[in-house]
Protein backbone atom coordinates (compact mmCIF):
# COMPACT_ATOMS: atom_id res chain seq x y z
CA MET A 1 -28.44 -24.83 36.49
CA ARG A 2 -28.16 -21.92 34.68
CA THR A 3 -25.74 -22.37 31.83
CA HIS A 4 -23.65 -19.53 30.05
CA CYS A 5 -26.42 -19.34 27.20
CA ASP A 6 -28.63 -18.27 29.82
CA ALA A 7 -27.07 -15.74 31.81
CA PRO A 8 -28.84 -12.82 32.35
CA ALA A 9 -28.18 -10.19 29.54
CA SER A 10 -26.92 -6.47 30.16
CA PRO A 11 -29.67 -4.41 28.01
CA GLN A 12 -28.86 -1.02 26.38
CA ALA A 13 -31.01 0.84 23.49
CA GLY A 14 -28.78 1.45 20.23
CA SER A 15 -28.37 0.89 16.66
CA THR A 16 -25.75 1.08 14.25
CA GLY A 17 -25.68 4.72 14.89
CA ASP A 18 -25.83 4.71 18.52
CA LEU A 19 -22.11 4.74 18.54
CA ALA A 20 -21.76 6.67 22.17
CA ARG A 21 -23.71 3.46 23.47
CA ARG A 22 -21.81 1.00 21.50
CA ARG A 23 -18.00 2.35 22.13
CA VAL A 24 -16.48 1.36 25.19
CA PRO A 25 -15.10 4.31 26.63
CA LEU A 26 -10.82 3.18 26.51
CA GLN A 27 -7.93 5.85 26.56
CA GLY A 28 -5.70 3.63 24.79
CA ALA A 29 -8.33 2.11 22.53
CA VAL A 30 -10.34 4.24 20.25
CA ASN A 31 -12.48 1.23 18.44
CA PHE A 32 -13.59 -0.98 21.05
CA ARG A 33 -17.12 -1.59 20.21
CA ASP A 34 -20.01 -3.73 21.80
CA LEU A 35 -21.95 -6.07 18.68
CA GLY A 36 -25.02 -6.11 20.49
CA GLY A 37 -28.70 -5.08 19.99
CA TYR A 38 -28.35 -5.90 15.77
CA PRO A 39 -31.63 -7.30 14.37
CA VAL A 40 -31.84 -10.96 13.44
CA GLY A 41 -35.23 -11.72 12.34
CA ASP A 42 -37.79 -13.30 14.40
CA GLY A 43 -38.39 -10.22 16.75
CA ARG A 44 -34.51 -11.24 18.20
CA ARG A 45 -31.47 -9.17 18.50
CA THR A 46 -27.74 -9.74 19.10
CA ARG A 47 -27.27 -9.97 22.85
CA TRP A 48 -25.04 -6.77 24.60
CA GLY A 49 -22.14 -7.32 26.26
CA ARG A 50 -21.32 -10.83 24.55
CA LEU A 51 -19.24 -10.02 21.43
CA PHE A 52 -16.82 -7.05 20.99
CA ARG A 53 -14.28 -6.02 18.24
CA SER A 54 -11.40 -3.48 18.80
CA ASP A 55 -8.63 -1.79 17.77
CA SER A 56 -4.76 -2.95 19.03
CA LEU A 57 -4.80 -3.55 23.05
CA GLY A 58 -1.28 -2.92 23.16
CA ALA A 59 -1.66 0.99 24.76
CA LEU A 60 -5.00 0.15 27.42
CA THR A 61 -4.15 2.54 30.89
CA GLU A 62 -4.94 1.17 34.33
CA GLU A 63 -8.01 2.80 34.15
CA ASP A 64 -8.91 0.96 30.44
CA LEU A 65 -7.86 -2.14 32.36
CA ALA A 66 -10.34 -1.83 34.99
CA LEU A 67 -13.03 -1.27 32.38
CA VAL A 68 -11.93 -4.06 30.38
CA ALA A 69 -11.98 -6.45 33.42
CA ALA A 70 -15.76 -5.53 33.89
CA LEU A 71 -16.62 -7.13 30.97
CA ASP A 72 -15.71 -10.39 32.19
CA LEU A 73 -13.82 -11.24 28.49
CA TYR A 74 -13.87 -15.27 28.64
CA ARG A 75 -11.86 -14.91 24.98
CA VAL A 76 -10.08 -12.91 22.92
CA VAL A 77 -9.10 -13.59 19.18
CA ASP A 78 -5.92 -11.43 18.05
CA PHE A 79 -5.67 -11.55 14.42
CA ARG A 80 -2.39 -9.94 14.45
CA LEU A 81 1.12 -11.53 12.95
CA PRO A 82 3.86 -12.22 15.64
CA HIS A 83 6.07 -9.49 14.39
CA GLU A 84 2.75 -6.99 15.40
CA ARG A 85 2.20 -8.75 18.60
CA GLU A 86 5.70 -8.00 19.66
CA LEU A 87 5.72 -4.72 18.86
CA HIS A 88 2.69 -3.67 20.80
CA PRO A 89 1.66 -6.85 23.08
CA ASN A 90 -1.98 -6.76 24.43
CA ARG A 91 -2.61 -5.44 27.85
CA LEU A 92 -5.23 -7.41 29.68
CA PRO A 93 -6.36 -7.70 32.88
CA VAL A 94 -4.36 -9.98 35.09
CA GLY A 95 -5.25 -12.71 37.48
CA ALA A 96 -8.11 -14.81 35.70
CA GLY A 97 -7.43 -12.78 32.26
CA PRO A 98 -9.50 -14.08 29.34
CA LYS A 99 -7.99 -16.91 27.16
CA VAL A 100 -5.80 -15.41 24.01
CA THR A 101 -6.56 -17.15 20.65
CA GLU A 102 -3.83 -16.31 18.09
CA ILE A 103 -4.77 -16.37 14.45
CA GLY A 104 -2.39 -13.89 12.91
CA PHE A 105 -2.08 -13.59 8.87
CA TRP A 106 -2.31 -11.02 6.65
CA PRO A 107 -3.83 -11.11 3.06
CA ASP A 108 -1.88 -11.67 -0.13
CA GLY A 109 -0.71 -8.12 -1.09
CA VAL A 110 -0.47 -6.11 2.20
CA PRO A 111 3.12 -6.26 2.30
CA GLU A 112 3.50 -5.11 -1.28
CA MET A 113 1.08 -2.48 -0.63
CA LEU A 114 2.92 -0.99 2.73
CA LYS A 115 6.00 -1.23 1.00
CA ALA A 116 4.59 1.06 -1.45
CA LEU A 117 3.02 3.11 0.90
CA ARG A 118 6.40 3.51 2.77
CA GLU A 119 8.16 4.47 -0.15
CA LEU A 120 5.33 6.72 -1.41
CA ARG A 121 4.99 4.74 -4.56
CA ILE A 122 1.36 4.46 -4.49
CA ASP A 123 -1.59 6.63 -4.98
CA ALA A 124 -5.24 6.79 -3.58
CA ALA A 125 -6.85 4.82 -6.29
CA GLY A 126 -3.89 2.13 -5.73
CA ILE A 127 -4.72 2.05 -2.33
CA GLU A 128 -8.37 1.38 -3.06
CA ARG A 129 -7.75 -1.36 -5.33
CA ALA A 130 -5.26 -2.72 -3.12
CA VAL A 131 -7.83 -3.21 -0.15
CA THR A 132 -10.57 -3.94 -2.18
CA GLY A 133 -8.64 -7.04 -3.33
CA HIS A 134 -7.69 -7.89 0.13
CA TYR A 135 -11.48 -7.88 1.23
CA ARG A 136 -11.88 -10.15 -1.90
CA ARG A 137 -9.29 -12.67 -0.47
CA TYR A 138 -10.74 -12.65 3.26
CA ALA A 139 -13.54 -14.39 2.22
CA VAL A 140 -11.67 -17.08 -0.13
CA HIS A 141 -8.49 -17.62 0.90
CA HIS A 142 -8.75 -17.25 4.74
CA CYS A 143 -11.73 -19.48 5.52
CA ALA A 144 -8.98 -21.70 7.78
CA GLU A 145 -8.82 -18.14 9.97
CA TYR A 146 -12.20 -17.41 10.19
CA ARG A 147 -13.31 -20.84 10.69
CA ARG A 148 -10.99 -20.88 14.13
CA MET A 149 -12.52 -17.42 14.80
CA LEU A 150 -16.07 -18.85 14.98
CA GLU A 151 -14.85 -21.75 16.48
CA ALA A 152 -13.32 -19.79 19.55
CA VAL A 153 -16.94 -17.71 19.62
CA GLU A 154 -18.70 -21.54 19.69
CA GLU A 155 -16.19 -22.78 22.38
CA ALA A 156 -17.17 -19.43 24.50
CA ALA A 157 -20.94 -20.76 24.36
CA GLY A 158 -22.03 -17.16 25.13
CA ARG A 159 -19.36 -15.73 27.31
CA PRO A 160 -17.96 -12.77 26.11
CA THR A 161 -15.59 -12.39 23.23
CA LEU A 162 -13.51 -9.96 21.56
CA ILE A 163 -11.95 -10.19 18.54
CA HIS A 164 -9.25 -7.35 17.48
CA CYS A 165 -6.31 -6.86 14.99
CA VAL A 166 -4.16 -3.28 14.83
CA SER A 167 -6.78 -0.93 13.63
CA GLY A 168 -9.98 -2.93 13.98
CA LYS A 169 -11.15 -2.10 10.66
CA ASP A 170 -9.87 -5.19 8.14
CA ARG A 171 -8.95 -8.28 9.41
CA THR A 172 -11.38 -7.54 12.62
CA GLY A 173 -13.78 -5.66 10.21
CA PHE A 174 -14.33 -8.91 8.14
CA GLY A 175 -14.32 -10.77 11.29
CA ALA A 176 -17.04 -9.17 12.87
CA ALA A 177 -19.04 -9.27 9.45
CA VAL A 178 -19.03 -12.80 9.59
CA ILE A 179 -20.03 -13.39 13.15
CA LEU A 180 -23.06 -11.19 12.68
CA MET A 181 -23.77 -13.10 9.50
CA ALA A 182 -23.59 -16.27 11.28
CA LEU A 183 -26.06 -14.82 13.71
CA GLY A 184 -28.71 -13.91 11.00
CA VAL A 185 -27.80 -10.11 11.02
CA PRO A 186 -28.90 -8.49 7.76
CA ARG A 187 -26.41 -7.28 5.28
CA THR A 188 -27.15 -3.89 5.38
CA VAL A 189 -26.99 -3.46 8.65
CA ILE A 190 -23.46 -5.59 8.90
CA VAL A 191 -21.91 -2.60 6.28
CA GLU A 192 -23.51 -0.27 8.75
CA ASP A 193 -21.59 -1.58 11.42
CA TYR A 194 -18.48 -1.80 9.38
CA LEU A 195 -18.54 1.92 8.43
CA LEU A 196 -18.61 2.97 12.32
CA THR A 197 -15.04 2.39 12.35
CA ASN A 198 -14.88 5.79 10.39
CA ASP A 199 -15.93 7.63 13.73
CA CYS A 200 -13.25 5.30 15.89
CA ARG A 201 -9.96 5.51 13.92
CA ARG A 202 -6.89 4.56 15.48
CA ASP A 203 -4.03 6.54 14.57
CA ILE A 204 -1.73 4.32 12.76
CA GLY A 205 0.44 7.02 11.38
CA HIS A 206 3.47 5.18 12.02
CA LEU A 207 2.42 2.97 8.81
CA MET A 208 2.42 6.13 6.39
CA PRO A 209 5.88 8.29 6.13
CA SER A 210 6.15 12.00 5.96
CA GLY A 211 5.17 13.30 2.40
CA THR A 212 1.98 10.89 2.63
CA THR A 213 -1.01 12.89 0.68
CA GLU A 214 -4.12 12.99 2.64
CA SER A 215 -6.12 11.35 0.07
CA VAL A 216 -3.54 8.28 0.26
CA ALA A 217 -3.87 8.25 4.19
CA GLU A 218 -7.94 8.75 3.95
CA ALA A 219 -8.18 5.69 1.48
CA PHE A 220 -5.88 3.67 3.83
CA THR A 221 -7.74 4.18 7.02
CA ALA A 222 -11.06 4.72 5.88
CA ALA A 223 -13.56 1.94 6.29
CA ARG A 224 -15.47 2.65 2.82
CA PRO A 225 -18.41 0.54 1.53
CA ALA A 226 -16.99 -0.75 -1.41
CA TYR A 227 -14.35 -2.59 0.59
CA ILE A 228 -16.92 -4.79 2.66
CA GLU A 229 -18.99 -4.80 -0.37
CA ALA A 230 -16.29 -6.63 -2.22
CA ALA A 231 -15.82 -9.46 0.33
CA PHE A 232 -19.71 -9.92 0.16
CA GLU A 233 -19.75 -10.08 -3.89
CA SER A 234 -16.67 -12.79 -3.06
CA ILE A 235 -18.94 -14.78 -1.06
CA ASP A 236 -21.51 -14.66 -3.45
CA THR A 237 -19.40 -15.66 -6.58
CA ALA A 238 -17.38 -18.38 -4.65
CA PHE A 239 -20.11 -20.03 -2.42
CA GLY A 240 -23.35 -18.69 -4.17
CA GLY A 241 -24.32 -16.94 -0.71
CA VAL A 242 -24.06 -16.42 2.99
CA ASP A 243 -25.41 -20.20 3.91
CA ASP A 244 -23.08 -21.69 1.72
CA TYR A 245 -20.28 -19.90 2.70
CA LEU A 246 -20.93 -20.61 6.37
CA ALA A 247 -21.45 -24.24 5.86
CA ARG A 248 -19.05 -24.92 2.96
CA GLY A 249 -16.39 -22.45 3.62
CA LEU A 250 -16.37 -22.37 7.57
CA GLY A 251 -18.06 -25.86 8.51
CA PHE A 252 -20.86 -24.17 10.22
CA GLY A 253 -24.04 -25.80 8.96
CA GLU A 254 -27.67 -24.70 10.55
CA GLN A 255 -27.17 -26.87 13.95
CA ARG A 256 -23.87 -25.29 14.81
CA LEU A 257 -25.50 -22.01 14.01
CA GLN A 258 -28.37 -22.52 15.82
CA ARG A 259 -26.34 -22.90 19.15
CA LEU A 260 -24.41 -20.10 18.30
CA ARG A 261 -27.81 -18.11 17.88
CA GLU A 262 -29.15 -19.41 20.87
CA CYS A 263 -25.82 -18.20 22.96
CA LEU A 264 -25.70 -14.78 21.60
CA THR A 265 -29.26 -13.94 20.44
CA GLU A 266 -32.16 -12.48 22.78
CA SER A 267 -35.71 -11.29 22.40
CA ALA A 268 -35.67 -7.98 21.16
CA THR A 269 -38.94 -6.90 23.56
CA GLY A 270 -39.03 -5.65 27.04
CA ASN A 271 -37.73 -2.67 28.81
CA ALA A 272 -34.40 -1.99 28.32
CA SER A 273 -32.50 0.52 30.17
CA LEU A 274 -30.37 3.27 28.32
CA LEU A 275 -26.66 1.58 29.45
CA SER A 276 -25.95 -1.80 30.85
CA PRO A 277 -25.14 -1.89 34.24
CA ARG A 278 -20.93 -2.55 33.35
CA ARG A 279 -20.88 0.70 31.51
CA ALA A 280 -23.36 3.18 33.61
CA GLY A 281 -21.95 6.58 34.75
CA ASN A 282 -19.59 6.41 32.05
CA PRO A 283 -19.28 9.07 29.46
């Protein structure tokens, strides 16, 4: 009997830099990306078509919904707070649509930073300091939220799962990093995946008033190496490394991690087509 973990993969060629094949081409979401194809050691890679990360889903078009329906999502993890969800409700395929897990949160300091941004009281260096602090707190102050995320991935048992927030950069960026850590993807590759957001930036101008300088906007919207590296430094300082963070911080010891890897990784050998069937023919 075929299990979810045994389901046939959707192979693609690709790497962190192969954005044309990694990005799902939607009109209403610019940062919707497949986390497949990343090396995990022992000649294996993350499965294509099983793990996705995205920005807001509130502006998906009818054509977008058809593409998303073809992904056969089982679970959507939404990191947005209730007021964010009310402002831009998710648009998802009707019928047998995905289950939604709401894990809304902001790290400490976000409301104050946004208020200062709205009032033009913060410069680019201040934004950088604030965002770097947020990333440090993701790893130590929000273990409960990211534990729930990994539990949702675990419960999906290899069925396609999407995580998202507003821009798909910060809460989702660290969430994607956690998933890739759990699967054994090297830190350098995780950073490369994080930085792909710079080529898929969502317009979040509604959060920045007229008069916002270009340097402030850039610091606010960019995925910078220093941001995600701050999260890794926090993990190393608080837990002594990724393995203990996953085990002690998130409750995922070796047995649970092995089950995730069985479902969400595959052999990297064999003849892989350039495009998976679900996206063949799309730009």
